[in-house]
């Protein structure tokens, strides 16, 4: 199976685990998680770079911590575009982005899709 399909499936599973852990972060099922993984990938490829550039002064002033907000905004945009993905506010989006990143990293390490 191609690596990107495995990564996509692992990210969909990570969405489900994140929904289980973070209150206010809801995914209606694995299909919604898979769609959310694709949408988030597109948002991260297209919108996130613009957000990073526009918020660069804040990111510098906060020593990079503002990138958590940028990641949360990316998740909120993906939530608005994905049926079955509901994020109820900025705090669940920030917590969700942290948990999603950690869970995705652990799953990729376990399966061996990360380039070490």
N, C-alpha and C. Protein backbone atom coordinates (compact mmCIF):
# COMPACT_ATOMS: atom_id res chain seq x y z
N UNK A 1 0.86 -1.17 0.00
CA UNK A 1 0.00 0.00 0.00
C UNK A 1 0.91 1.24 0.00
N UNK A 2 0.59 2.21 -0.85
CA UNK A 2 1.43 3.42 -0.89
C UNK A 2 1.44 4.14 0.46
N UNK A 3 2.55 4.77 0.73
CA UNK A 3 2.78 5.43 2.02
C UNK A 3 1.74 6.50 2.32
N UNK A 4 1.34 7.27 1.29
CA UNK A 4 0.38 8.35 1.55
C UNK A 4 -0.98 7.80 1.97
N UNK A 5 -1.36 6.62 1.48
CA UNK A 5 -2.63 6.01 1.90
C UNK A 5 -2.56 5.56 3.36
N UNK A 6 -1.43 5.02 3.75
CA UNK A 6 -1.25 4.62 5.15
C UNK A 6 -1.29 5.84 6.05
N UNK A 7 -0.60 6.90 5.65
CA UNK A 7 -0.59 8.15 6.43
C UNK A 7 -2.00 8.73 6.52
N UNK A 8 -2.74 8.68 5.43
CA UNK A 8 -4.11 9.19 5.41
C UNK A 8 -4.99 8.40 6.38
N UNK A 9 -4.86 7.08 6.36
CA UNK A 9 -5.64 6.23 7.26
C UNK A 9 -5.26 6.49 8.72
N UNK A 10 -3.96 6.62 8.99
CA UNK A 10 -3.51 6.90 10.35
C UNK A 10 -4.01 8.26 10.84
N UNK A 11 -4.05 9.24 9.95
CA UNK A 11 -4.56 10.55 10.34
C UNK A 11 -6.06 10.48 10.63
N UNK A 12 -6.79 9.70 9.85
CA UNK A 12 -8.23 9.51 10.11
C UNK A 12 -8.44 8.86 11.47
N UNK A 13 -7.63 7.86 11.79
CA UNK A 13 -7.71 7.23 13.11
C UNK A 13 -7.33 8.23 14.20
N UNK A 14 -6.33 9.05 13.93
CA UNK A 14 -5.92 10.07 14.91
C UNK A 14 -7.05 11.06 15.16
N UNK A 15 -7.82 11.41 14.13
CA UNK A 15 -8.98 12.27 14.32
C UNK A 15 -9.98 11.62 15.28
N UNK A 16 -10.20 10.31 15.11
CA UNK A 16 -11.14 9.60 15.98
C UNK A 16 -10.64 9.58 17.43
N UNK A 17 -9.36 9.32 17.62
CA UNK A 17 -8.78 9.29 18.97
C UNK A 17 -8.85 10.68 19.60
N UNK A 18 -8.55 11.70 18.81
CA UNK A 18 -8.60 13.08 19.32
C UNK A 18 -10.02 13.43 19.76
N UNK A 19 -11.01 13.00 18.98
CA UNK A 19 -12.41 13.27 19.34
C UNK A 19 -12.78 12.58 20.65
N UNK A 20 -12.17 11.43 20.90
CA UNK A 20 -12.43 10.71 22.14
C UNK A 20 -11.81 11.42 23.35
N UNK A 21 -10.66 12.06 23.13
CA UNK A 21 -9.90 12.67 24.23
C UNK A 21 -10.34 14.12 24.52
N UNK A 22 -10.58 14.90 23.47
CA UNK A 22 -10.79 16.35 23.64
C UNK A 22 -12.29 16.67 23.64
N UNK A 23 -12.80 17.23 24.75
CA UNK A 23 -14.20 17.65 24.76
C UNK A 23 -14.41 18.81 23.78
N UNK A 24 -15.52 18.79 23.05
CA UNK A 24 -15.80 19.84 22.08
C UNK A 24 -15.21 19.57 20.71
N UNK A 25 -14.53 18.45 20.56
CA UNK A 25 -13.93 18.03 19.28
C UNK A 25 -14.67 16.76 18.88
N UNK A 26 -15.53 16.84 17.87
CA UNK A 26 -16.41 15.73 17.54
C UNK A 26 -16.22 15.28 16.09
N UNK A 27 -16.09 13.96 15.91
CA UNK A 27 -16.01 13.35 14.59
C UNK A 27 -17.09 12.28 14.55
N UNK A 28 -17.95 12.34 13.53
CA UNK A 28 -19.12 11.45 13.51
C UNK A 28 -18.78 10.01 13.14
N UNK A 29 -17.63 9.75 12.56
CA UNK A 29 -17.26 8.38 12.21
C UNK A 29 -15.94 8.35 11.45
N UNK A 30 -15.51 7.14 11.12
CA UNK A 30 -14.22 6.99 10.44
C UNK A 30 -14.22 7.64 9.06
N UNK A 31 -15.36 7.58 8.36
CA UNK A 31 -15.44 8.22 7.05
C UNK A 31 -15.27 9.73 7.20
N UNK A 32 -15.93 10.32 8.19
CA UNK A 32 -15.77 11.75 8.44
C UNK A 32 -14.32 12.06 8.82
N UNK A 33 -13.70 11.17 9.59
CA UNK A 33 -12.29 11.35 9.94
C UNK A 33 -11.39 11.30 8.71
N UNK A 34 -11.70 10.40 7.78
CA UNK A 34 -10.91 10.29 6.54
C UNK A 34 -11.09 11.53 5.68
N UNK A 35 -12.33 12.02 5.58
CA UNK A 35 -12.57 13.24 4.82
C UNK A 35 -11.87 14.42 5.49
N UNK A 36 -11.95 14.48 6.82
CA UNK A 36 -11.29 15.56 7.56
C UNK A 36 -9.78 15.54 7.34
N UNK A 37 -9.19 14.35 7.25
CA UNK A 37 -7.75 14.24 7.02
C UNK A 37 -7.37 14.84 5.66
N UNK A 38 -8.19 14.57 4.65
CA UNK A 38 -7.93 15.13 3.31
C UNK A 38 -8.11 16.65 3.33
N UNK A 39 -9.22 17.10 3.92
CA UNK A 39 -9.50 18.54 3.95
C UNK A 39 -8.41 19.28 4.74
N UNK A 40 -8.01 18.73 5.88
CA UNK A 40 -6.96 19.37 6.67
C UNK A 40 -5.65 19.42 5.89
N UNK A 41 -5.35 18.37 5.15
CA UNK A 41 -4.16 18.38 4.31
C UNK A 41 -4.20 19.50 3.28
N UNK A 42 -5.37 19.69 2.68
CA UNK A 42 -5.52 20.76 1.69
C UNK A 42 -5.43 22.13 2.34
N UNK A 43 -6.06 22.28 3.50
CA UNK A 43 -6.00 23.56 4.23
C UNK A 43 -4.55 23.86 4.62
N UNK A 44 -3.84 22.84 5.11
CA UNK A 44 -2.44 23.03 5.50
C UNK A 44 -1.56 23.36 4.30
N UNK A 45 -1.93 22.89 3.12
CA UNK A 45 -1.13 23.16 1.93
C UNK A 45 -1.42 24.54 1.35
N UNK A 46 -2.67 25.01 1.48
CA UNK A 46 -3.07 26.24 0.80
C UNK A 46 -3.20 27.42 1.76
N UNK A 47 -3.97 27.26 2.82
CA UNK A 47 -4.32 28.38 3.69
C UNK A 47 -3.29 28.62 4.78
N UNK A 48 -2.79 27.56 5.38
CA UNK A 48 -1.88 27.70 6.52
C UNK A 48 -0.64 28.54 6.20
N UNK A 49 0.01 28.35 5.03
CA UNK A 49 1.18 29.21 4.75
C UNK A 49 0.83 30.70 4.75
N UNK A 50 -0.36 31.04 4.26
CA UNK A 50 -0.78 32.44 4.28
C UNK A 50 -1.00 32.93 5.71
N UNK A 51 -1.61 32.08 6.53
CA UNK A 51 -1.80 32.45 7.94
C UNK A 51 -0.47 32.64 8.65
N UNK A 52 0.48 31.78 8.36
CA UNK A 52 1.80 31.88 9.00
C UNK A 52 2.47 33.19 8.61
N UNK A 53 2.39 33.56 7.34
CA UNK A 53 3.02 34.81 6.89
C UNK A 53 2.32 36.02 7.50
N UNK A 54 0.98 36.01 7.51
CA UNK A 54 0.23 37.14 8.03
C UNK A 54 0.42 37.33 9.54
N UNK A 55 0.67 36.24 10.25
CA UNK A 55 0.80 36.33 11.71
C UNK A 55 2.26 36.25 12.17
N UNK A 56 3.18 36.41 11.26
CA UNK A 56 4.60 36.29 11.60
C UNK A 56 5.04 37.22 12.73
N UNK A 57 4.62 38.51 12.73
CA UNK A 57 5.03 39.36 13.87
C UNK A 57 4.55 38.82 15.22
N UNK A 58 3.31 38.35 15.28
CA UNK A 58 2.80 37.77 16.54
C UNK A 58 3.55 36.50 16.91
N UNK A 59 3.87 35.71 15.91
CA UNK A 59 4.60 34.47 16.16
C UNK A 59 5.98 34.77 16.73
N UNK A 60 6.63 35.79 16.20
CA UNK A 60 7.95 36.18 16.69
C UNK A 60 7.84 36.71 18.12
N UNK A 61 6.85 37.57 18.36
CA UNK A 61 6.67 38.15 19.70
C UNK A 61 6.36 37.09 20.76
N UNK A 62 5.67 36.03 20.36
CA UNK A 62 5.30 34.98 21.32
C UNK A 62 6.27 33.79 21.28
N UNK A 63 7.39 33.98 20.60
CA UNK A 63 8.41 32.95 20.49
C UNK A 63 7.86 31.64 19.90
N UNK A 64 6.96 31.79 18.94
CA UNK A 64 6.43 30.64 18.23
C UNK A 64 5.15 30.06 18.79
N UNK A 65 4.74 30.49 19.97
CA UNK A 65 3.54 29.93 20.58
C UNK A 65 2.27 30.27 19.80
N UNK A 66 2.30 31.36 19.06
CA UNK A 66 1.11 31.73 18.28
C UNK A 66 0.82 30.72 17.18
N UNK A 67 1.80 29.90 16.83
CA UNK A 67 1.56 28.86 15.83
C UNK A 67 0.51 27.86 16.30
N UNK A 68 0.34 27.73 17.62
CA UNK A 68 -0.75 26.90 18.13
C UNK A 68 -2.10 27.44 17.69
N UNK A 69 -2.22 28.76 17.71
CA UNK A 69 -3.47 29.40 17.26
C UNK A 69 -3.63 29.22 15.76
N UNK A 70 -2.55 29.34 15.01
CA UNK A 70 -2.62 29.13 13.55
C UNK A 70 -3.06 27.70 13.24
N UNK A 71 -2.50 26.73 13.96
CA UNK A 71 -2.92 25.34 13.76
C UNK A 71 -4.38 25.16 14.12
N UNK A 72 -4.81 25.80 15.19
CA UNK A 72 -6.22 25.72 15.60
C UNK A 72 -7.12 26.34 14.54
N UNK A 73 -6.71 27.46 13.97
CA UNK A 73 -7.50 28.08 12.91
C UNK A 73 -7.60 27.17 11.69
N UNK A 74 -6.51 26.48 11.37
CA UNK A 74 -6.54 25.52 10.27
C UNK A 74 -7.55 24.41 10.54
N UNK A 75 -7.57 23.93 11.78
CA UNK A 75 -8.55 22.91 12.16
C UNK A 75 -9.97 23.44 12.08
N UNK A 76 -10.18 24.68 12.52
CA UNK A 76 -11.52 25.27 12.46
C UNK A 76 -11.98 25.45 11.01
N UNK A 77 -11.07 25.82 10.13
CA UNK A 77 -11.41 25.93 8.70
C UNK A 77 -11.77 24.55 8.15
N UNK A 78 -10.96 23.55 8.49
CA UNK A 78 -11.26 22.19 8.05
C UNK A 78 -12.60 21.72 8.60
N UNK A 79 -12.91 22.09 9.83
CA UNK A 79 -14.18 21.73 10.44
C UNK A 79 -15.35 22.35 9.69
N UNK A 80 -15.19 23.60 9.27
CA UNK A 80 -16.25 24.29 8.54
C UNK A 80 -16.50 23.64 7.18
N UNK A 81 -15.46 23.04 6.61
CA UNK A 81 -15.57 22.44 5.27
C UNK A 81 -15.89 20.95 5.29
N UNK A 82 -15.84 20.32 6.46
CA UNK A 82 -16.00 18.87 6.55
C UNK A 82 -17.30 18.50 7.25
N UNK A 83 -18.18 17.80 6.53
CA UNK A 83 -19.37 17.30 7.22
C UNK A 83 -18.96 16.19 8.20
N UNK A 84 -19.49 16.26 9.41
CA UNK A 84 -19.16 15.24 10.40
C UNK A 84 -18.01 15.60 11.31
N UNK A 85 -17.37 16.74 11.07
CA UNK A 85 -16.31 17.23 11.97
C UNK A 85 -16.80 18.53 12.60
N UNK A 86 -16.97 18.52 13.90
CA UNK A 86 -17.44 19.70 14.62
C UNK A 86 -16.46 20.03 15.73
N UNK A 87 -15.98 21.27 15.71
CA UNK A 87 -15.09 21.76 16.76
C UNK A 87 -15.78 22.97 17.37
N UNK A 88 -16.06 22.88 18.65
CA UNK A 88 -16.87 23.89 19.33
C UNK A 88 -16.03 24.96 20.01
N UNK A 89 -15.33 25.76 19.22
CA UNK A 89 -14.59 26.88 19.79
C UNK A 89 -13.09 26.79 19.61
N UNK A 90 -12.42 27.85 20.03
CA UNK A 90 -10.98 27.96 19.86
C UNK A 90 -10.21 27.05 20.82
N UNK A 91 -10.67 26.94 22.05
CA UNK A 91 -9.95 26.11 23.02
C UNK A 91 -9.96 24.64 22.61
N UNK A 92 -11.12 24.06 22.23
CA UNK A 92 -11.07 22.68 21.74
C UNK A 92 -10.22 22.54 20.47
N UNK A 93 -10.18 23.59 19.65
CA UNK A 93 -9.35 23.54 18.44
C UNK A 93 -7.86 23.53 18.80
N UNK A 94 -7.47 24.35 19.78
CA UNK A 94 -6.06 24.37 20.20
C UNK A 94 -5.68 23.03 20.84
N UNK A 95 -6.51 22.57 21.77
CA UNK A 95 -6.24 21.26 22.40
C UNK A 95 -6.27 20.15 21.36
N UNK A 96 -7.21 20.23 20.44
CA UNK A 96 -7.32 19.22 19.39
C UNK A 96 -6.10 19.21 18.48
N UNK A 97 -5.56 20.38 18.17
CA UNK A 97 -4.39 20.42 17.30
C UNK A 97 -3.18 19.80 18.01
N UNK A 98 -3.06 20.03 19.31
CA UNK A 98 -1.95 19.44 20.07
C UNK A 98 -2.10 17.93 20.13
N UNK A 99 -3.28 17.47 20.51
CA UNK A 99 -3.52 16.02 20.63
C UNK A 99 -3.41 15.34 19.27
N UNK A 100 -3.98 15.96 18.24
CA UNK A 100 -3.92 15.37 16.90
C UNK A 100 -2.48 15.21 16.43
N UNK A 101 -1.66 16.21 16.69
CA UNK A 101 -0.25 16.14 16.31
C UNK A 101 0.46 15.02 17.06
N UNK A 102 0.23 14.94 18.37
CA UNK A 102 0.88 13.90 19.18
C UNK A 102 0.43 12.50 18.76
N UNK A 103 -0.88 12.32 18.60
CA UNK A 103 -1.41 11.00 18.24
C UNK A 103 -0.94 10.58 16.85
N UNK A 104 -0.96 11.51 15.91
CA UNK A 104 -0.49 11.20 14.55
C UNK A 104 0.98 10.80 14.57
N UNK A 105 1.79 11.52 15.35
CA UNK A 105 3.21 11.19 15.44
C UNK A 105 3.44 9.80 16.03
N UNK A 106 2.70 9.49 17.10
CA UNK A 106 2.84 8.18 17.73
C UNK A 106 2.41 7.07 16.76
N UNK A 107 1.28 7.25 16.10
CA UNK A 107 0.80 6.23 15.15
C UNK A 107 1.79 6.04 14.01
N UNK A 108 2.32 7.14 13.49
CA UNK A 108 3.31 7.03 12.40
C UNK A 108 4.57 6.31 12.86
N UNK A 109 4.98 6.57 14.10
CA UNK A 109 6.16 5.87 14.64
C UNK A 109 5.88 4.38 14.80
N UNK A 110 4.69 4.04 15.30
CA UNK A 110 4.34 2.63 15.50
C UNK A 110 4.28 1.86 14.19
N UNK A 111 3.73 2.50 13.17
CA UNK A 111 3.57 1.82 11.88
C UNK A 111 4.85 1.92 11.06
N UNK A 112 5.66 2.91 11.37
CA UNK A 112 6.93 3.04 10.65
C UNK A 112 6.84 3.87 9.40
N UNK A 113 5.89 4.81 9.34
CA UNK A 113 5.77 5.66 8.15
C UNK A 113 6.61 6.92 8.26
N UNK A 114 7.08 7.24 9.48
CA UNK A 114 7.95 8.40 9.66
C UNK A 114 9.34 8.11 9.13
N UNK A 115 9.93 9.11 8.51
CA UNK A 115 11.32 8.99 8.09
C UNK A 115 12.18 9.43 9.26
N UNK A 116 12.86 8.50 9.86
CA UNK A 116 13.64 8.83 11.06
C UNK A 116 15.00 9.34 10.72
